[in-house]
N, C-alpha and C. Protein backbone atom coordinates (compact mmCIF):
# COMPACT_ATOMS: atom_id res chain seq x y z
N MET A 1 138.73 114.21 17.90
CA MET A 1 139.05 113.20 18.92
C MET A 1 140.03 113.74 19.77
N THR A 2 141.41 114.44 19.49
CA THR A 2 142.11 114.84 20.53
C THR A 2 141.46 115.76 21.55
N THR A 3 140.74 116.77 21.11
CA THR A 3 139.91 117.70 22.01
C THR A 3 138.96 116.96 22.98
N ILE A 4 138.76 115.56 22.85
CA ILE A 4 138.09 114.97 23.78
C ILE A 4 138.77 114.32 24.66
N PHE A 5 140.10 113.70 23.99
CA PHE A 5 141.08 113.16 25.23
C PHE A 5 141.90 114.43 26.00
N ASP A 6 142.11 115.59 25.25
CA ASP A 6 142.28 116.81 26.11
C ASP A 6 141.24 117.08 27.04
N GLY A 7 140.19 117.23 26.97
CA GLY A 7 139.22 117.16 27.98
C GLY A 7 139.26 116.40 29.17
N TYR A 8 139.27 114.84 28.90
CA TYR A 8 139.39 113.88 29.92
C TYR A 8 140.60 114.07 30.72
N ASP A 9 142.03 114.47 29.90
CA ASP A 9 143.12 114.55 30.33
C ASP A 9 143.05 115.78 31.50
N GLU A 10 142.40 116.73 31.07
CA GLU A 10 142.02 117.99 31.90
C GLU A 10 141.46 117.82 33.47
N GLU A 11 140.26 117.01 33.17
CA GLU A 11 139.48 116.65 33.94
C GLU A 11 140.16 115.80 34.99
N TYR A 12 141.01 114.83 34.49
CA TYR A 12 141.80 113.74 35.36
C TYR A 12 143.09 114.63 36.06
N ARG A 13 143.35 115.54 35.22
CA ARG A 13 144.48 116.51 36.46
C ARG A 13 143.69 117.37 37.47
N THR A 14 142.46 117.74 37.09
CA THR A 14 141.90 118.56 38.08
C THR A 14 141.44 117.83 39.24
N LEU A 15 141.06 116.70 39.20
CA LEU A 15 140.53 115.58 39.73
C LEU A 15 141.77 115.22 40.88
N THR A 16 142.86 115.06 40.14
CA THR A 16 144.09 114.36 40.99
C THR A 16 144.69 115.43 41.83
N SER A 17 144.81 116.76 41.22
CA SER A 17 144.96 117.76 42.36
C SER A 17 144.09 118.13 43.44
N ASP A 18 142.56 117.96 43.38
CA ASP A 18 141.90 118.06 44.47
C ASP A 18 142.23 116.95 45.21
N ILE A 19 142.33 115.75 44.97
CA ILE A 19 142.82 114.72 45.99
C ILE A 19 143.84 114.97 46.69
N SER A 20 145.06 115.34 45.74
CA SER A 20 146.26 115.96 46.67
C SER A 20 146.16 117.04 47.70
N LYS A 21 145.29 118.01 47.38
CA LYS A 21 145.11 118.96 48.28
C LYS A 21 144.23 118.73 49.70
N LYS A 22 143.36 117.52 49.10
CA LYS A 22 142.64 116.78 50.15
C LYS A 22 143.41 115.99 51.44
N LEU A 23 144.43 115.16 50.82
CA LEU A 23 145.21 114.22 51.54
C LEU A 23 146.17 115.09 52.16
N SER A 24 146.78 116.78 51.57
CA SER A 24 147.55 117.49 52.36
C SER A 24 146.91 117.80 53.81
N GLU A 25 145.72 118.20 53.32
CA GLU A 25 144.66 118.67 54.57
C GLU A 25 144.60 117.65 55.59
N ILE A 26 144.52 116.55 55.20
CA ILE A 26 144.61 115.51 56.43
C ILE A 26 145.86 115.39 57.05
N ALA A 27 146.82 115.57 56.05
CA ALA A 27 148.15 115.16 56.73
C ALA A 27 148.16 116.53 57.89
N SER A 28 147.89 117.61 57.61
CA SER A 28 148.08 118.68 58.33
C SER A 28 147.26 118.72 59.71
N TYR A 29 145.97 117.96 59.27
CA TYR A 29 145.00 117.97 60.44
C TYR A 29 145.56 116.86 61.69
N GLU A 30 145.84 115.92 61.10
CA GLU A 30 146.73 114.87 62.07
C GLU A 30 148.08 115.38 62.59
N ASP A 31 148.75 116.47 62.22
CA ASP A 31 149.84 116.91 62.80
C ASP A 31 149.12 117.74 64.17
N GLN A 32 148.12 118.50 63.48
CA GLN A 32 147.41 119.28 64.53
C GLN A 32 147.09 118.51 65.81
N LYS A 33 146.35 117.53 65.14
CA LYS A 33 145.45 116.53 66.58
C LYS A 33 146.71 116.23 67.06
N GLY A 34 148.01 115.71 66.69
CA GLY A 34 148.99 115.03 67.48
C GLY A 34 149.23 116.41 68.92
N ALA A 35 149.72 117.49 67.92
CA ALA A 35 149.98 118.46 68.80
C ALA A 35 149.12 119.02 70.41
N ASP A 36 147.71 118.85 69.60
CA ASP A 36 147.02 118.80 70.57
C ASP A 36 146.51 117.92 71.83
N LEU A 37 147.04 116.60 71.34
CA LEU A 37 146.89 115.73 72.30
C LEU A 37 148.33 115.64 73.25
N ALA A 38 149.57 116.52 72.43
CA ALA A 38 150.56 116.66 73.55
C ALA A 38 150.43 117.67 74.58
N ASP A 39 149.58 118.76 74.04
CA ASP A 39 149.17 119.47 74.85
C ASP A 39 148.41 119.34 75.91
N ALA A 40 147.55 118.40 75.75
CA ALA A 40 146.40 117.75 76.85
C ALA A 40 147.12 117.16 77.66
N GLU A 41 148.06 116.10 77.30
CA GLU A 41 149.21 115.57 78.14
C GLU A 41 149.74 116.40 79.28
N ARG A 42 150.54 117.68 78.60
CA ARG A 42 150.94 118.51 79.36
C ARG A 42 150.13 119.12 80.38
N ARG A 43 148.89 119.21 79.97
CA ARG A 43 148.14 119.96 81.06
C ARG A 43 147.82 119.28 82.01
N TRP A 44 147.50 117.74 81.57
CA TRP A 44 146.98 116.74 82.67
C TRP A 44 148.14 116.68 83.70
N ASP A 45 149.46 116.53 83.19
CA ASP A 45 150.69 116.29 84.04
C ASP A 45 150.96 117.89 85.03
N TYR A 46 150.38 118.83 84.65
CA TYR A 46 150.50 120.21 85.17
C TYR A 46 149.35 119.92 86.25
N CYS A 47 148.21 119.39 86.04
CA CYS A 47 146.98 119.45 87.28
C CYS A 47 147.42 118.18 87.98
N GLU A 48 148.25 117.17 87.78
CA GLU A 48 148.50 116.15 88.74
C GLU A 48 149.62 116.86 89.68
N LEU A 49 150.46 117.70 89.18
CA LEU A 49 151.61 118.19 89.76
C LEU A 49 150.86 119.28 91.04
N THR A 50 149.86 120.21 90.51
CA THR A 50 149.21 121.00 91.04
C THR A 50 148.57 120.20 92.54
N THR A 51 147.97 119.29 92.06
CA THR A 51 147.33 118.57 93.31
C THR A 51 148.44 118.26 94.07
N VAL A 52 149.49 117.59 93.94
CA VAL A 52 150.79 117.06 94.77
C VAL A 52 151.16 118.35 95.60
N VAL A 53 151.19 119.71 94.75
CA VAL A 53 151.73 120.59 95.74
C VAL A 53 150.89 121.14 96.65
N ILE A 54 149.16 120.97 96.37
CA ILE A 54 148.01 121.28 97.07
C ILE A 54 148.19 120.35 98.49
N ALA A 55 148.49 119.23 98.15
CA ALA A 55 148.54 118.09 99.38
C ALA A 55 149.57 118.30 100.39
N CYS A 56 150.81 118.98 99.71
CA CYS A 56 151.88 119.24 100.57
C CYS A 56 151.53 120.30 101.26
N VAL A 57 151.43 121.37 100.74
CA VAL A 57 150.60 122.49 101.45
C VAL A 57 149.65 122.32 102.68
N VAL A 58 148.75 120.94 102.34
CA VAL A 58 147.37 120.88 103.35
C VAL A 58 148.42 120.36 104.29
N ALA A 59 149.15 119.74 104.22
CA ALA A 59 149.63 118.63 105.21
C ALA A 59 150.52 119.91 106.35
N ASP A 60 150.84 120.58 105.90
CA ASP A 60 151.63 121.88 106.99
C ASP A 60 150.60 122.65 107.43
N LYS A 61 149.16 122.92 106.94
CA LYS A 61 148.25 123.63 107.54
C LYS A 61 147.53 123.16 108.41
N LYS A 62 146.75 123.93 109.38
CA LYS A 62 145.70 123.11 110.09
C LYS A 62 144.61 122.56 109.57
N LYS A 63 143.74 121.71 110.21
CA LYS A 63 142.74 120.94 109.73
C LYS A 63 141.76 122.00 109.11
N ALA A 64 141.49 123.01 109.72
CA ALA A 64 140.61 124.05 108.98
C ALA A 64 140.77 124.26 107.67
N SER A 65 142.21 124.62 107.61
CA SER A 65 142.58 125.40 106.33
C SER A 65 142.60 124.15 105.37
N ILE A 66 142.67 122.60 105.77
CA ILE A 66 142.78 121.68 104.89
C ILE A 66 141.44 121.34 104.32
N VAL A 67 140.08 121.75 105.16
CA VAL A 67 139.03 121.61 104.56
C VAL A 67 138.69 122.62 103.44
N HIS A 68 139.41 123.92 103.50
CA HIS A 68 139.32 124.93 102.51
C HIS A 68 140.08 124.56 101.42
N VAL A 69 141.33 123.99 101.41
CA VAL A 69 141.84 123.32 100.48
C VAL A 69 141.41 122.41 99.69
N GLY A 70 140.77 121.56 100.23
CA GLY A 70 140.10 120.53 99.65
C GLY A 70 139.04 120.88 98.73
N ASP A 71 138.27 122.11 99.24
CA ASP A 71 137.32 122.65 98.73
C ASP A 71 137.65 123.35 97.04
N LEU A 72 139.01 123.72 97.37
CA LEU A 72 139.87 124.34 96.36
C LEU A 72 140.17 123.51 95.27
N LEU A 73 140.72 122.50 95.65
CA LEU A 73 141.15 121.08 95.13
C LEU A 73 140.16 120.47 94.44
N THR A 74 138.96 120.48 94.78
CA THR A 74 137.81 119.77 94.42
C THR A 74 137.52 120.82 93.04
N GLN A 75 137.30 122.07 93.28
CA GLN A 75 136.84 122.74 92.35
C GLN A 75 137.96 122.95 90.99
N ALA A 76 139.31 122.77 91.57
CA ALA A 76 140.34 122.75 90.60
C ALA A 76 139.90 121.47 89.77
N THR A 77 139.73 120.36 90.26
CA THR A 77 139.63 119.34 89.62
C THR A 77 138.52 119.13 88.63
N GLN A 78 137.33 119.87 89.27
CA GLN A 78 136.22 119.76 88.25
C GLN A 78 136.36 120.83 87.10
N LEU A 79 137.16 121.98 87.60
CA LEU A 79 137.58 122.65 86.20
C LEU A 79 138.42 122.11 84.99
N ALA A 80 139.54 121.16 85.70
CA ALA A 80 140.19 120.57 85.16
C ALA A 80 139.53 119.40 83.93
N SER A 81 138.56 118.78 84.55
CA SER A 81 137.94 117.78 84.20
C SER A 81 136.84 118.30 82.95
N ALA A 82 136.17 119.26 83.29
CA ALA A 82 135.50 120.02 82.19
C ALA A 82 136.27 120.58 80.93
N GLU A 83 137.43 121.11 81.42
CA GLU A 83 138.60 121.63 80.28
C GLU A 83 138.81 120.20 79.26
N HIS A 84 139.02 119.21 80.17
CA HIS A 84 139.53 118.26 79.59
C HIS A 84 138.41 117.47 78.81
N ARG A 85 137.03 117.52 79.20
CA ARG A 85 135.92 116.90 78.47
C ARG A 85 135.77 118.10 77.10
N ASN A 86 135.66 119.36 77.36
CA ASN A 86 135.77 120.15 76.04
C ASN A 86 136.60 119.80 75.15
N ARG A 87 137.98 119.74 75.84
CA ARG A 87 139.09 118.98 74.82
C ARG A 87 138.80 118.14 73.88
N MET A 88 138.11 116.93 74.47
CA MET A 88 137.78 115.73 74.01
C MET A 88 136.62 115.80 73.03
N ALA A 89 135.78 116.75 73.49
CA ALA A 89 134.43 117.06 72.38
C ALA A 89 135.10 117.64 71.14
N ALA A 90 136.28 118.37 71.23
CA ALA A 90 136.52 119.02 70.14
C ALA A 90 137.31 118.51 69.09
N ALA A 91 138.26 117.44 69.91
CA ALA A 91 139.10 116.49 69.45
C ALA A 91 138.08 115.39 68.41
N THR A 92 137.11 115.07 69.09
CA THR A 92 135.94 114.10 68.42
C THR A 92 135.43 114.88 67.40
N ASN A 93 134.84 116.05 67.42
CA ASN A 93 134.31 116.93 66.15
C ASN A 93 135.73 116.98 65.01
N LYS A 94 136.58 117.30 65.42
CA LYS A 94 137.83 117.47 64.46
C LYS A 94 138.16 115.84 63.82
N MET A 95 137.75 114.86 64.65
CA MET A 95 137.84 113.57 63.87
C MET A 95 136.64 113.26 62.98
N LYS A 96 135.48 113.98 63.43
CA LYS A 96 134.27 113.61 62.48
C LYS A 96 134.65 114.29 60.98
N GLY A 97 135.14 115.46 61.28
CA GLY A 97 135.33 116.52 60.30
C GLY A 97 136.64 115.78 59.39
N THR A 98 137.68 114.97 60.00
CA THR A 98 138.66 114.29 59.21
C THR A 98 137.93 113.11 58.42
N THR A 99 137.15 112.48 59.07
CA THR A 99 136.27 111.37 58.59
C THR A 99 135.39 111.50 57.18
N ASP A 100 135.09 112.96 57.64
CA ASP A 100 134.32 113.55 56.18
C ASP A 100 135.05 113.73 55.35
N LYS A 101 136.31 114.47 55.73
CA LYS A 101 137.34 114.67 54.41
C LYS A 101 137.72 113.12 53.99
N LEU A 102 138.04 112.53 54.53
CA LEU A 102 138.55 110.91 54.21
C LEU A 102 137.42 110.39 52.91
N ALA A 103 136.01 110.75 53.47
CA ALA A 103 134.94 110.12 52.80
C ALA A 103 134.91 110.74 51.46
N ALA A 104 135.14 112.10 51.36
CA ALA A 104 135.54 112.87 50.29
C ALA A 104 136.33 112.70 49.20
N ALA A 105 137.50 112.38 49.90
CA ALA A 105 138.46 112.02 49.14
C ALA A 105 138.64 110.71 48.44
N ARG A 106 138.11 109.82 49.30
CA ARG A 106 137.49 108.47 48.64
C ARG A 106 136.55 108.46 47.74
N LYS A 107 135.73 109.61 47.63
CA LYS A 107 134.60 109.54 46.55
C LYS A 107 135.35 110.45 45.45
N GLU A 108 136.13 111.20 45.74
CA GLU A 108 137.35 111.71 44.58
C GLU A 108 137.88 110.75 43.84
N ILE A 109 138.59 109.97 44.63
CA ILE A 109 139.56 108.71 44.05
C ILE A 109 138.14 107.88 43.21
N ALA A 110 137.24 107.43 43.67
CA ALA A 110 136.40 106.67 42.73
C ALA A 110 136.07 107.15 41.52
N ASP A 111 135.79 108.61 41.52
CA ASP A 111 135.19 109.35 40.25
C ASP A 111 136.51 109.57 39.41
N THR A 112 137.59 109.42 40.18
CA THR A 112 138.54 109.98 38.97
C THR A 112 138.95 108.40 38.54
N GLU A 113 139.00 107.31 39.28
CA GLU A 113 139.17 106.01 38.76
C GLU A 113 138.13 105.67 37.77
N GLU A 114 136.67 106.14 37.75
CA GLU A 114 135.57 105.96 36.82
C GLU A 114 135.88 106.75 35.51
N VAL A 115 136.28 107.65 35.67
CA VAL A 115 136.89 108.66 34.67
C VAL A 115 138.20 108.16 33.56
N ALA A 116 138.86 107.42 34.37
CA ALA A 116 140.07 106.95 33.88
C ALA A 116 139.71 105.78 33.13
N LEU A 117 138.75 105.23 33.68
CA LEU A 117 138.16 103.72 33.06
C LEU A 117 137.45 104.26 31.72
N ALA A 118 136.70 105.26 32.10
CA ALA A 118 136.15 105.65 30.69
C ALA A 118 137.10 106.04 29.77
N ILE A 119 138.18 106.78 29.89
CA ILE A 119 138.94 107.27 29.06
C ILE A 119 139.55 105.83 28.25
N GLY A 120 139.93 104.87 29.11
CA GLY A 120 140.30 103.90 28.56
C GLY A 120 139.62 103.09 27.42
N GLU A 121 138.55 102.80 28.06
CA GLU A 121 137.41 102.17 27.35
C GLU A 121 137.36 103.08 25.89
N GLU A 122 137.11 104.32 25.94
CA GLU A 122 137.08 105.15 24.82
C GLU A 122 138.49 105.02 23.62
N LEU A 123 139.57 104.91 24.54
CA LEU A 123 140.74 104.44 23.73
C LEU A 123 140.66 103.22 23.06
N ASP A 124 140.30 102.21 23.74
CA ASP A 124 140.14 100.97 23.11
C ASP A 124 138.94 101.02 21.97
N ARG A 125 138.19 101.62 21.98
CA ARG A 125 137.07 101.83 20.92
C ARG A 125 137.75 102.37 19.81
N ASN A 126 138.27 103.71 20.15
CA ASN A 126 139.10 104.29 19.17
C ASN A 126 140.30 103.39 18.23
N ARG A 127 140.76 102.75 19.25
CA ARG A 127 141.80 101.70 18.33
C ARG A 127 141.35 101.05 17.75
N GLU A 128 139.92 100.31 18.15
CA GLU A 128 139.57 99.18 16.98
C GLU A 128 139.07 100.02 15.88
N LYS A 129 138.42 101.22 15.85
CA LYS A 129 138.17 101.88 14.64
C LYS A 129 139.37 102.16 13.86
N ILE A 130 140.37 102.54 14.29
CA ILE A 130 141.63 102.99 13.30
C ILE A 130 141.96 101.60 12.81
N LYS A 131 142.14 100.26 13.31
CA LYS A 131 142.50 99.03 12.69
C LYS A 131 141.45 98.74 11.69
N ALA A 132 139.96 99.01 11.87
CA ALA A 132 139.17 98.95 10.79
C ALA A 132 139.27 99.84 9.81
N THR A 133 139.47 101.18 9.95
CA THR A 133 139.69 101.92 9.00
C THR A 133 140.99 101.74 8.18
N HIS A 134 142.06 101.49 9.22
CA HIS A 134 143.50 100.90 8.16
C HIS A 134 143.42 99.87 7.67
N ALA A 135 142.44 98.60 7.91
CA ALA A 135 142.15 97.52 6.86
C ALA A 135 141.48 97.86 5.52
N LYS A 136 140.30 98.74 5.76
CA LYS A 136 139.68 99.35 4.47
C LYS A 136 140.73 100.18 3.84
N VAL A 137 141.55 100.92 4.31
CA VAL A 137 142.47 101.60 3.33
C VAL A 137 143.46 100.46 2.75
N LYS A 138 143.96 99.85 3.43
CA LYS A 138 144.70 98.67 2.82
C LYS A 138 144.03 98.14 1.95
N GLY A 139 142.56 97.69 1.78
CA GLY A 139 141.81 96.98 1.01
C GLY A 139 141.64 97.87 -0.42
N VAL A 140 141.38 99.12 0.07
CA VAL A 140 141.42 99.97 -1.27
C VAL A 140 142.73 100.18 -2.18
N ASN A 141 143.65 100.24 -1.23
CA ASN A 141 144.87 100.23 -1.93
C ASN A 141 145.02 98.90 -2.98
N GLU A 142 144.89 97.83 -2.35
CA GLU A 142 144.90 96.37 -2.82
C GLU A 142 144.18 96.54 -4.18
N MET A 143 143.03 97.23 -4.38
CA MET A 143 142.16 97.10 -5.17
C MET A 143 142.38 98.22 -6.58
N ALA A 144 143.10 99.31 -5.88
CA ALA A 144 143.67 100.14 -6.81
C ALA A 144 144.62 99.39 -7.61
N ARG A 145 145.50 98.94 -7.03
CA ARG A 145 146.62 98.37 -7.57
C ARG A 145 146.31 97.47 -8.55
N ARG A 146 145.20 96.69 -7.86
CA ARG A 146 144.77 95.45 -8.86
C ARG A 146 144.09 96.19 -10.73
N GLY A 147 143.21 97.47 -10.28
CA GLY A 147 142.53 98.04 -11.13
C GLY A 147 143.55 98.76 -11.86
N GLY A 148 144.86 99.09 -11.65
CA GLY A 148 145.90 99.66 -12.25
C GLY A 148 146.42 98.46 -13.33
N ASN A 149 146.87 97.56 -12.51
CA ASN A 149 147.11 95.98 -13.59
C ASN A 149 146.32 95.97 -14.57
N ILE A 150 145.01 95.93 -14.20
CA ILE A 150 144.00 95.41 -15.49
C ILE A 150 144.09 96.70 -16.24
N VAL A 151 143.96 97.74 -16.14
CA VAL A 151 143.83 99.09 -16.93
C VAL A 151 145.17 98.53 -17.93
N GLY A 152 146.39 98.53 -17.44
CA GLY A 152 147.44 98.28 -18.03
C GLY A 152 147.72 97.07 -19.18
N ARG A 153 147.00 96.14 -18.52
CA ARG A 153 146.94 95.14 -19.40
C ARG A 153 145.84 95.30 -20.65
N MET A 154 144.92 96.07 -20.27
CA MET A 154 143.69 96.52 -21.16
C MET A 154 144.42 97.50 -22.24
N SER A 155 145.20 98.24 -21.95
CA SER A 155 146.18 99.11 -22.81
C SER A 155 146.93 98.66 -23.54
N ALA A 156 147.67 97.56 -22.96
CA ALA A 156 148.69 96.64 -23.82
C ALA A 156 148.00 95.99 -24.92
N ARG A 157 146.63 95.29 -24.63
CA ARG A 157 145.99 94.74 -25.68
C ARG A 157 145.55 95.42 -26.64
N ASP A 158 145.51 96.87 -26.18
CA ASP A 158 144.49 97.95 -27.22
C ASP A 158 145.37 97.98 -28.26
N LYS A 159 146.80 98.02 -27.66
CA LYS A 159 148.07 98.52 -28.74
C LYS A 159 148.18 97.35 -29.68
N ARG A 160 148.15 96.38 -28.92
CA ARG A 160 148.47 95.17 -29.99
C ARG A 160 147.30 95.02 -30.89
N GLN A 161 146.25 95.08 -30.67
CA GLN A 161 145.07 95.00 -31.61
C GLN A 161 145.08 96.27 -32.45
N ARG A 162 145.61 97.28 -32.29
CA ARG A 162 145.65 98.51 -33.01
C ARG A 162 146.67 98.26 -34.07
N MET A 163 147.85 97.66 -33.47
CA MET A 163 148.91 97.31 -34.65
C MET A 163 148.77 96.22 -35.48
N ALA A 164 148.18 95.27 -34.98
CA ALA A 164 147.28 94.16 -35.88
C ALA A 164 146.40 94.53 -36.90
N LEU A 165 145.59 95.79 -36.57
CA LEU A 165 144.56 96.23 -37.43
C LEU A 165 145.73 97.21 -38.53
N SER A 166 146.32 97.51 -38.02
CA SER A 166 147.17 98.52 -38.87
C SER A 166 148.00 97.67 -39.85
N ILE A 167 148.67 96.69 -39.78
CA ILE A 167 149.31 95.71 -40.32
C ILE A 167 148.22 94.85 -41.47
N ALA A 168 147.15 94.52 -40.78
CA ALA A 168 146.00 94.12 -41.73
C ALA A 168 145.63 95.11 -43.04
N ALA A 169 145.62 96.34 -42.36
CA ALA A 169 144.83 97.55 -43.21
C ALA A 169 146.24 97.92 -44.31
N GLY A 170 147.43 97.61 -43.72
CA GLY A 170 148.45 98.12 -44.64
C GLY A 170 148.54 97.01 -45.77
N PHE A 171 148.37 95.62 -45.22
CA PHE A 171 148.12 94.64 -46.31
C PHE A 171 147.35 94.72 -47.36
N ILE A 172 146.02 94.87 -46.65
CA ILE A 172 144.91 95.36 -47.70
C ILE A 172 144.95 96.35 -48.60
N ILE A 173 145.53 97.47 -47.99
CA ILE A 173 145.88 98.64 -49.05
C ILE A 173 146.97 98.29 -50.14
N ILE A 174 148.19 97.43 -49.82
CA ILE A 174 149.01 97.07 -50.84
C ILE A 174 148.54 96.02 -51.83
N ALA A 175 147.33 95.34 -51.13
CA ALA A 175 146.85 94.43 -52.20
C ALA A 175 145.83 95.00 -53.09
N ILE A 176 145.24 96.07 -52.59
CA ILE A 176 144.65 96.82 -53.50
C ILE A 176 145.30 97.75 -54.60
N LEU A 177 146.21 98.06 -53.84
CA LEU A 177 147.24 98.64 -55.14
C LEU A 177 147.73 97.84 -56.30
N LEU A 178 148.17 96.90 -55.56
CA LEU A 178 148.30 95.79 -56.57
C LEU A 178 147.64 95.30 -57.32
N LEU A 179 146.41 95.19 -57.14
CA LEU A 179 145.33 94.87 -57.89
C LEU A 179 145.05 95.63 -59.07
N ILE A 180 145.21 97.05 -58.51
CA ILE A 180 144.62 98.33 -59.34
C ILE A 180 146.03 98.25 -60.54
N TYR A 181 147.38 97.85 -60.14
CA TYR A 181 148.50 97.97 -60.96
C TYR A 181 148.43 97.01 -61.94
N PHE A 182 148.10 95.91 -61.33
CA PHE A 182 148.00 94.83 -62.41
C PHE A 182 146.76 94.66 -63.30
N GLY A 183 145.86 95.34 -63.07
CA GLY A 183 144.40 95.24 -63.44
C GLY A 183 144.63 96.35 -64.74
N ILE A 184 145.39 97.67 -64.23
CA ILE A 184 145.43 98.60 -65.16
C ILE A 184 146.50 98.16 -66.24
N PHE A 185 147.79 98.06 -65.89
CA PHE A 185 148.85 98.04 -66.65
C PHE A 185 149.18 96.60 -67.16
N LYS A 186 148.85 95.44 -66.85
CA LYS A 186 149.24 94.48 -67.17
C LYS A 186 148.09 93.87 -67.89
N LYS A 187 146.98 94.21 -68.61
CA LYS A 187 146.20 93.88 -69.25
C LYS A 187 146.57 94.19 -70.87
N LYS A 188 147.69 95.08 -70.92
CA LYS A 188 147.75 95.14 -72.54
C LYS A 188 148.61 94.36 -72.85
């Protein structure tokens, strides 16, 4: 019985440690995601600042150079938006991975719960078996006590009967001896 429970206990501990590892991975991923978002905000602020600086430089230059700077600004914006899209795609992929990890963690939790319920049911069945066995042992002990009492009474009755038979045999022997004595010696 204990080896079964040890197996259940070991499986429960293994599943619990797996869940703990997955939850810690999720927490570290969320920290990384927060750092990535902060980095994205910093880069976006840098891009806006660059745009303002370029606009100031353009104001001081001639119109021809303004057109050239405008092209540069358009290229910088396109590069920044492409980089932003790439970062957003990476963040989306990471979120999908996190969702998968959460689903796996939920599955592990459900499996652990099923194992715990199975262990509980097994313990209930064993408790009932132990109670039934205890009742049987108690009944056997009661029967043994009654049997001992019956044997004791039979033994006492046997002793009384032997004593009565011995006394009767003694009286018969005395009576025979008296008959022989009076028959032989008293005839004269």
